[in-house]
Amino acid sequence: MRVPTEFASSARSTVGLEWEIMLADPDSGDLVGRAPELLHVLEAQSAHERHTVTGELLTNTIEVTSGVGGTVKDAVDDIAAAIGAVRRATDPAGIELLSAGSHPFAQWFNQRVTEKTRYRKMIERTQWWGRNMMIWGIHVHVGVEERRKVMPIISALSAFLPHLQALSASSPFWAGERTGYASNRSLVFQQLPTAGLPWPIRTWEDFENYLDDMIRTGVMRDASEVRWDIRPAPRWGTIEIRACDGMSTLTELASVAALTQCLVEHFSRQLDVGIPLPGLQPWFHRENKWRTARYGLDARVIVDSAGSQVPVRDHLDAVVDDLRPIAADLACERELDGVRAILRGGASYARQLTAADAAGGDLREVVQHLIREFREGPEHGTVD
């Protein structure tokens, strides 16, 4: 018998953010596995704050998480406070911070796994692929007030995962090699069991049936081990978008969060008035994901079930226009306008490639570029 999966009560279109941060040596730029020595104090300090600071799979990573934000600004302010707290620990310790979907030259065999049972079990099961999960991302949670809306919104929002992936793409290098991909991370991450694009599940009952199958056969323990690019987060009462590479700057994180929040609210309003939500064939979703992983903001994406194709830049520009009234209602107009700033200035993958070319291919300079961007913003990250 299927065990019902509860979906927590959550205020509509509230926002929560998670951001995975790399720890690096300021001189060499290589990763340093020093999170355990910092986290005892940082976790205790964040216990009474809206934000949290925690560890991740690898000891070279710290994750910062916002509280529940009524607006994108609320959640971003929490993240800024968390980063400030981390810097008060890392600056005296001689550790720099950066974020991207991948580190330009670090090697997997030099990294240590955090001492937690669930991480050890994952590595034991996934072996080489698990050890190669040197990837960093952001997660955007948006509150959904009715469980019946969750799977239809996930289905409709899946058509925009390539757009979010293109905006956030920041992993053009892997273990010292220029991959030719804007987001190599997205293709690596989908190698894990239960990761990748969601199955075409239409109702909450069908999602419960999926969970029952997976738990009963020992594939996973609970819903938290569903690692789709977009998934329900029953514990929080949210839809969680996980398709994005690690954002290199806080302002760009805010823009992607605003676009995500507005899209969820847009689809929620359509359901409120009985408008069927649009969808694409699963094979179009897969192709769009590959295209934006490969070409980033230069990709052409399939935008309807008839197979119409447009440049993702043009489609994003039009979508931002369409969502402006919703952004006004949600008080995130400025953050949503930041999407156009990314379109004008280029996503992180493009800026990293420019930095590498300017330095004659020296990837240590790409790390210094990312360190500057993380601290000061994209306009300050260029190589002198």
Protein backbone atom coordinates (compact mmCIF):
# COMPACT_ATOMS: atom_id res chain seq x y z
CA MET A 1 0.00 0.00 0.00
CA ARG A 2 1.27 3.44 -0.93
CA VAL A 3 2.30 5.54 2.08
CA PRO A 4 0.99 9.14 1.72
CA THR A 5 3.70 11.80 1.51
CA GLU A 6 2.89 14.94 3.43
CA PHE A 7 3.53 18.32 1.83
CA ALA A 8 4.24 20.99 4.42
CA SER A 9 2.21 24.17 4.63
CA SER A 10 4.03 26.98 2.87
CA ALA A 11 3.10 30.56 2.03
CA ARG A 12 2.60 31.10 -1.67
CA SER A 13 5.63 32.24 -3.72
CA THR A 14 7.91 32.71 -0.74
CA VAL A 15 11.58 32.18 -1.53
CA GLY A 16 14.48 30.24 -0.02
CA LEU A 17 18.02 30.05 -1.37
CA GLU A 18 20.95 27.66 -0.99
CA TRP A 19 24.43 28.54 -2.30
CA GLU A 20 27.42 26.19 -2.35
CA ILE A 21 30.74 27.98 -1.86
CA MET A 22 34.28 26.74 -2.60
CA LEU A 23 37.17 27.25 -0.20
CA ALA A 24 40.47 28.05 -1.92
CA ASP A 25 44.07 28.89 -1.18
CA PRO A 26 44.52 32.61 -1.97
CA ASP A 27 47.87 32.12 -3.70
CA SER A 28 47.62 28.89 -5.67
CA GLY A 29 43.85 29.08 -6.18
CA ASP A 30 43.55 25.35 -5.49
CA LEU A 31 40.78 23.99 -3.29
CA VAL A 32 41.44 23.50 0.42
CA GLY A 33 39.52 20.96 2.53
CA ARG A 34 39.27 23.16 5.60
CA ALA A 35 35.50 23.33 6.12
CA PRO A 36 35.52 21.03 9.20
CA GLU A 37 37.78 23.38 11.16
CA LEU A 38 35.41 26.30 10.45
CA LEU A 39 31.97 24.75 10.70
CA HIS A 40 31.80 24.08 14.42
CA VAL A 41 31.83 27.80 15.17
CA LEU A 42 29.91 28.89 12.07
CA GLU A 43 27.07 26.43 12.63
CA ALA A 44 26.77 27.49 16.26
CA GLN A 45 26.76 31.17 15.29
CA SER A 46 23.99 30.68 12.73
CA ALA A 47 21.77 28.68 15.09
CA HIS A 48 19.86 31.81 16.12
CA GLU A 49 19.99 33.61 12.77
CA ARG A 50 17.67 33.48 9.78
CA HIS A 51 20.51 32.02 7.72
CA THR A 52 22.41 28.77 8.21
CA VAL A 53 25.98 27.73 7.42
CA THR A 54 26.61 24.01 6.93
CA GLY A 55 28.97 21.51 5.32
CA GLU A 56 28.55 19.59 2.09
CA LEU A 57 29.74 16.38 0.40
CA LEU A 58 33.36 17.57 0.16
CA THR A 59 35.41 19.27 2.86
CA ASN A 60 36.32 22.03 0.39
CA THR A 61 32.74 23.36 0.45
CA ILE A 62 30.52 25.42 2.72
CA GLU A 63 26.83 25.88 2.01
CA VAL A 64 24.89 28.98 3.06
CA THR A 65 21.10 28.93 3.25
CA SER A 66 18.56 31.70 3.66
CA GLY A 67 15.48 31.76 5.82
CA VAL A 68 12.02 31.89 4.25
CA GLY A 69 11.86 35.16 2.36
CA GLY A 70 8.65 37.02 1.64
CA THR A 71 10.59 38.57 -1.22
CA VAL A 72 13.73 37.72 -3.15
CA LYS A 73 15.44 40.63 -1.39
CA ASP A 74 14.67 39.10 2.01
CA ALA A 75 16.29 35.81 1.01
CA VAL A 76 19.27 37.52 -0.65
CA ASP A 77 19.83 39.66 2.46
CA ASP A 78 20.01 36.43 4.48
CA ILE A 79 22.58 35.02 2.10
CA ALA A 80 24.64 38.21 2.28
CA ALA A 81 24.60 37.99 6.08
CA ALA A 82 25.71 34.36 5.91
CA ILE A 83 28.57 35.19 3.54
CA GLY A 84 29.63 37.98 5.90
CA ALA A 85 29.74 35.52 8.77
CA VAL A 86 31.79 33.06 6.72
CA ARG A 87 34.26 35.76 5.71
CA ARG A 88 34.82 36.72 9.33
CA ALA A 89 36.12 33.17 9.77
CA THR A 90 37.87 32.61 6.44
CA ASP A 91 39.71 35.92 6.06
CA PRO A 92 41.79 35.48 9.24
CA ALA A 93 42.36 31.83 8.31
CA GLY A 94 43.81 32.77 4.92
CA ILE A 95 41.03 31.16 2.89
CA GLU A 96 39.37 32.70 -0.16
CA LEU A 97 35.81 32.11 -1.38
CA LEU A 98 34.46 31.59 -4.87
CA SER A 99 31.54 29.94 -6.60
CA ALA A 100 31.05 28.35 -10.01
CA GLY A 101 29.69 25.08 -11.32
CA SER A 102 33.20 23.62 -11.31
CA HIS A 103 36.70 24.56 -10.22
CA PRO A 104 38.89 25.29 -13.25
CA PHE A 105 41.74 22.90 -12.45
CA ALA A 106 41.25 20.99 -9.17
CA GLN A 107 41.48 17.18 -9.31
CA TRP A 108 38.95 14.85 -7.71
CA PHE A 109 41.54 12.55 -6.15
CA ASN A 110 42.89 15.41 -4.02
CA GLN A 111 39.53 16.08 -2.34
CA ARG A 112 38.27 14.62 0.93
CA VAL A 113 34.70 13.49 1.58
CA THR A 114 32.97 14.91 4.65
CA GLU A 115 32.67 12.41 7.50
CA LYS A 116 28.94 11.72 7.37
CA THR A 117 27.31 8.34 6.91
CA ARG A 118 25.03 9.42 4.08
CA TYR A 119 27.95 10.82 2.09
CA ARG A 120 30.02 7.68 2.62
CA LYS A 121 27.12 5.51 1.51
CA MET A 122 26.64 7.59 -1.62
CA ILE A 123 30.32 7.31 -2.54
CA GLU A 124 30.32 3.58 -1.85
CA ARG A 125 27.40 3.12 -4.22
CA THR A 126 28.39 5.53 -6.99
CA GLN A 127 32.18 4.99 -6.92
CA TRP A 128 34.09 6.92 -9.62
CA TRP A 129 31.15 9.12 -10.57
CA GLY A 130 30.48 9.96 -6.96
CA ARG A 131 34.10 10.89 -6.34
CA ASN A 132 33.94 13.11 -9.41
CA MET A 133 31.10 15.19 -7.98
CA MET A 134 33.36 18.24 -7.74
CA ILE A 135 30.37 20.39 -8.57
CA TRP A 136 28.77 23.42 -7.00
CA GLY A 137 25.26 24.73 -7.50
CA ILE A 138 22.45 26.86 -6.19
CA HIS A 139 19.00 25.70 -5.18
CA VAL A 140 15.98 28.00 -5.35
CA HIS A 141 12.89 27.07 -3.30
CA VAL A 142 9.52 28.67 -4.05
CA GLY A 143 6.54 28.10 -1.77
CA VAL A 144 3.41 26.46 -3.17
CA GLU A 145 0.26 26.75 -1.08
CA GLU A 146 -1.63 23.74 -2.48
CA ARG A 147 -0.20 20.28 -3.00
CA ARG A 148 -2.35 19.69 -6.09
CA LYS A 149 -0.44 22.45 -7.91
CA VAL A 150 3.02 21.02 -7.35
CA MET A 151 3.42 18.48 -10.13
CA PRO A 152 1.62 20.55 -12.83
CA ILE A 153 3.89 23.53 -12.05
CA ILE A 154 6.97 21.31 -12.10
CA SER A 155 5.92 19.99 -15.51
CA ALA A 156 5.42 23.50 -16.93
CA LEU A 157 8.53 24.95 -15.27
CA SER A 158 10.68 22.16 -16.70
CA ALA A 159 10.49 23.96 -20.06
CA PHE A 160 12.41 26.85 -18.47
CA LEU A 161 15.15 24.82 -16.82
CA PRO A 162 17.36 25.30 -19.91
CA HIS A 163 16.93 29.08 -19.60
CA LEU A 164 17.96 29.00 -15.94
CA GLN A 165 20.85 26.68 -16.79
CA ALA A 166 22.06 29.06 -19.51
CA LEU A 167 21.93 32.10 -17.21
CA SER A 168 23.84 30.31 -14.46
CA ALA A 169 26.26 28.30 -16.62
CA SER A 170 29.69 28.59 -15.00
CA SER A 171 31.58 25.33 -15.56
CA PRO A 172 33.49 25.59 -18.86
CA PHE A 173 36.60 23.97 -17.36
CA TRP A 174 36.99 20.55 -15.77
CA ALA A 175 40.14 19.26 -14.05
CA GLY A 176 42.31 21.66 -16.02
CA GLU A 177 40.69 21.12 -19.40
CA ARG A 178 38.59 23.43 -21.54
CA THR A 179 35.52 21.29 -22.10
CA GLY A 180 33.73 23.17 -24.88
CA TYR A 181 30.63 23.19 -22.66
CA ALA A 182 29.13 26.18 -20.88
CA SER A 183 27.83 23.92 -18.10
CA ASN A 184 29.85 20.73 -17.78
CA ARG A 185 28.45 20.39 -14.24
CA SER A 186 24.92 19.70 -15.48
CA LEU A 187 26.05 16.68 -17.49
CA VAL A 188 28.24 15.32 -14.70
CA PHE A 189 25.55 15.63 -12.04
CA GLN A 190 22.98 13.66 -14.02
CA GLN A 191 25.20 10.57 -13.76
CA LEU A 192 24.05 10.04 -10.17
CA PRO A 193 21.11 7.69 -9.56
CA THR A 194 17.80 9.61 -9.36
CA ALA A 195 19.43 12.78 -10.77
CA GLY A 196 18.67 14.55 -14.05
CA LEU A 197 15.40 15.67 -15.56
CA PRO A 198 12.20 14.75 -13.73
CA TRP A 199 9.99 11.95 -14.97
CA PRO A 200 6.75 13.18 -16.61
CA ILE A 201 4.60 12.81 -13.48
CA ARG A 202 1.33 14.75 -13.55
CA THR A 203 -0.27 14.36 -10.12
CA TRP A 204 0.79 14.15 -6.48
CA GLU A 205 -0.61 10.64 -6.27
CA ASP A 206 1.63 9.57 -9.14
CA PHE A 207 4.61 11.13 -7.34
CA GLU A 208 3.73 9.09 -4.24
CA ASN A 209 3.60 5.97 -6.42
CA TYR A 210 7.06 6.80 -7.77
CA LEU A 211 8.43 7.25 -4.24
CA ASP A 212 6.83 3.99 -3.14
CA ASP A 213 8.48 2.12 -6.00
CA MET A 214 11.88 3.63 -5.31
CA ILE A 215 11.81 3.17 -1.54
CA ARG A 216 10.39 -0.35 -1.73
CA THR A 217 13.17 -1.45 -4.06
CA GLY A 218 15.92 0.17 -1.98
CA VAL A 219 16.87 2.84 -4.52
CA MET A 220 16.30 5.62 -1.98
CA ARG A 221 15.25 6.10 1.63
CA ASP A 222 12.89 9.06 1.26
CA ALA A 223 11.94 12.04 -0.92
CA SER A 224 15.13 13.91 -0.04
CA GLU A 225 17.07 11.49 -2.26
CA VAL A 226 15.14 12.52 -5.36
CA ARG A 227 17.89 14.52 -7.07
CA TRP A 228 16.01 15.78 -10.11
CA ASP A 229 16.85 19.12 -11.72
CA ILE A 230 13.52 20.29 -10.31
CA ARG A 231 11.70 18.44 -7.56
CA PRO A 232 9.06 18.73 -4.87
CA ALA A 233 10.52 19.47 -1.43
CA PRO A 234 7.74 18.07 0.79
CA ARG A 235 9.49 18.97 4.04
CA TRP A 236 9.40 22.67 3.19
CA GLY A 237 6.26 22.86 1.07
CA THR A 238 8.21 24.12 -1.93
CA ILE A 239 9.24 23.43 -5.47
CA GLU A 240 13.03 23.27 -5.57
CA ILE A 241 14.98 24.19 -8.70
CA ARG A 242 18.38 22.46 -8.78
CA ALA A 243 19.35 22.84 -12.45
CA CYS A 244 21.67 25.81 -11.98
CA ASP A 245 25.44 25.92 -11.74
CA GLY A 246 26.91 27.76 -8.79
CA MET A 247 26.35 31.48 -9.37
CA SER A 248 29.56 33.49 -9.34
CA THR A 249 28.01 36.63 -7.82
CA LEU A 250 25.23 37.50 -5.40
CA THR A 251 23.52 39.87 -7.84
CA GLU A 252 23.23 37.10 -10.43
CA LEU A 253 21.89 34.71 -7.80
CA ALA A 254 19.18 37.29 -7.05
CA SER A 255 18.25 37.55 -10.73
CA VAL A 256 17.87 33.81 -11.20
CA ALA A 257 15.85 33.61 -7.99
CA ALA A 258 13.51 36.37 -9.20
CA LEU A 259 12.97 34.72 -12.57
CA THR A 260 12.19 31.43 -10.84
CA GLN A 261 9.79 33.02 -8.34
CA CYS A 262 7.93 34.89 -11.09
CA LEU A 263 7.57 31.79 -13.25
CA VAL A 264 6.15 29.74 -10.38
CA GLU A 265 3.68 32.51 -9.54
CA HIS A 266 2.75 32.86 -13.22
CA PHE A 267 1.87 29.18 -13.50
CA SER A 268 0.09 29.23 -10.14
CA ARG A 269 -2.15 32.05 -11.36
CA GLN A 270 -2.97 30.11 -14.51
CA LEU A 271 -4.06 27.15 -12.41
CA ASP A 272 -6.18 29.45 -10.25
CA VAL A 273 -8.33 30.41 -13.25
CA GLY A 274 -8.42 26.95 -14.80
CA ILE A 275 -5.95 27.50 -17.65
CA PRO A 276 -4.15 24.24 -18.56
CA LEU A 277 -0.41 24.64 -18.19
CA PRO A 278 1.79 24.25 -21.27
CA GLY A 279 4.20 21.37 -21.63
CA LEU A 280 6.85 19.96 -23.91
CA GLN A 281 7.62 16.44 -25.01
CA PRO A 282 10.23 14.79 -22.75
CA TRP A 283 12.61 14.43 -25.69
CA PHE A 284 12.48 18.21 -26.24
CA HIS A 285 13.35 18.79 -22.57
CA ARG A 286 16.36 16.52 -22.93
CA GLU A 287 17.54 18.22 -26.12
CA ASN A 288 17.14 21.71 -24.62
CA LYS A 289 19.13 20.71 -21.57
CA TRP A 290 21.99 19.47 -23.75
CA ARG A 291 21.92 22.55 -25.96
CA THR A 292 22.21 25.03 -23.11
CA ALA A 293 24.82 22.88 -21.36
CA ARG A 294 26.85 22.99 -24.58
CA TYR A 295 26.21 26.51 -25.86
CA GLY A 296 24.93 28.44 -22.84
CA LEU A 297 23.28 31.71 -23.82
CA ASP A 298 24.14 31.09 -27.47
CA ALA A 299 21.82 28.07 -27.65
CA ARG A 300 18.61 27.85 -29.62
CA VAL A 301 15.84 26.21 -27.61
CA ILE A 302 12.63 24.43 -28.53
CA VAL A 303 9.78 26.45 -27.03
CA ASP A 304 6.55 24.64 -27.88
CA SER A 305 5.18 21.20 -28.66
CA ALA A 306 5.24 21.99 -32.40
CA GLY A 307 9.03 22.25 -32.22
CA SER A 308 9.44 26.01 -32.77
CA GLN A 309 13.01 27.11 -32.03
CA VAL A 310 14.35 30.51 -30.96
CA PRO A 311 17.62 31.82 -29.49
CA VAL A 312 17.45 31.42 -25.73
CA ARG A 313 18.57 35.06 -25.35
CA ASP A 314 15.56 36.28 -27.32
CA HIS A 315 13.18 34.02 -25.45
CA LEU A 316 14.52 35.15 -22.09
CA ASP A 317 14.14 38.79 -23.11
CA ALA A 318 10.51 38.21 -24.06
CA VAL A 319 9.79 36.22 -20.90
CA VAL A 320 11.19 39.01 -18.71
CA ASP A 321 8.80 41.45 -20.43
CA ASP A 322 5.86 39.10 -19.88
CA LEU A 323 6.69 38.62 -16.20
CA ARG A 324 7.16 42.29 -15.28
CA PRO A 325 3.62 42.73 -13.86
CA ILE A 326 4.12 39.69 -11.65
CA ALA A 327 7.55 40.98 -10.59
CA ALA A 328 5.90 44.22 -9.54
CA ASP A 329 3.40 42.29 -7.40
CA LEU A 330 6.24 40.26 -5.84
CA ALA A 331 8.51 43.31 -5.32
CA CYS A 332 11.36 41.83 -7.36
CA GLU A 333 11.39 44.09 -10.44
CA ARG A 334 14.99 45.18 -9.90
CA GLU A 335 16.19 41.62 -9.42
CA LEU A 336 14.28 40.39 -12.49
CA ASP A 337 15.82 43.19 -14.57
CA GLY A 338 19.17 41.70 -13.63
CA VAL A 339 18.44 38.87 -16.09
CA ARG A 340 18.99 41.39 -18.86
CA ALA A 341 22.27 42.44 -17.27
CA ILE A 342 23.45 38.84 -17.59
CA LEU A 343 22.30 38.78 -21.22
CA ARG A 344 24.29 41.97 -21.91
CA GLY A 345 27.43 41.15 -19.94
CA GLY A 346 27.56 37.41 -20.48
CA ALA A 347 27.13 34.56 -18.03
CA SER A 348 30.00 33.39 -15.83
CA TYR A 349 31.19 30.72 -18.29
CA ALA A 350 31.84 33.38 -20.93
CA ARG A 351 33.63 35.67 -18.51
CA GLN A 352 35.83 32.76 -17.36
CA LEU A 353 36.77 31.94 -20.95
CA THR A 354 37.65 35.58 -21.54
CA ALA A 355 39.79 35.61 -18.40
CA ALA A 356 41.58 32.45 -19.52
CA ASP A 357 42.29 33.86 -22.97
CA ALA A 358 43.60 37.11 -21.48
CA ALA A 359 45.98 35.11 -19.27
CA GLY A 360 47.26 32.90 -22.07
CA GLY A 361 45.28 29.92 -20.82
CA ASP A 362 46.55 30.13 -17.22
CA LEU A 363 43.64 28.71 -15.21
CA ARG A 364 45.10 30.02 -11.96
CA GLU A 365 44.12 33.45 -13.25
CA VAL A 366 40.58 32.22 -13.87
CA VAL A 367 40.35 31.29 -10.18
CA GLN A 368 41.60 34.76 -9.20
CA HIS A 369 38.96 36.23 -11.52
CA LEU A 370 36.26 34.18 -9.75
CA ILE A 371 37.57 35.20 -6.33
CA ARG A 372 37.35 38.88 -7.31
CA GLU A 373 33.87 38.45 -8.75
CA PHE A 374 32.59 36.69 -5.66
CA ARG A 375 33.89 39.46 -3.43
CA GLU A 376 33.09 42.51 -5.54
CA GLY A 377 30.63 41.61 -8.32
CA PRO A 378 30.92 40.81 -12.03
CA GLU A 379 32.08 44.28 -13.05
CA HIS A 380 35.23 43.85 -10.91
CA GLY A 381 36.22 40.33 -11.94
CA THR A 382 38.08 40.99 -15.18
CA VAL A 383 41.76 40.30 -15.55
CA ASP A 384 43.86 43.50 -15.56
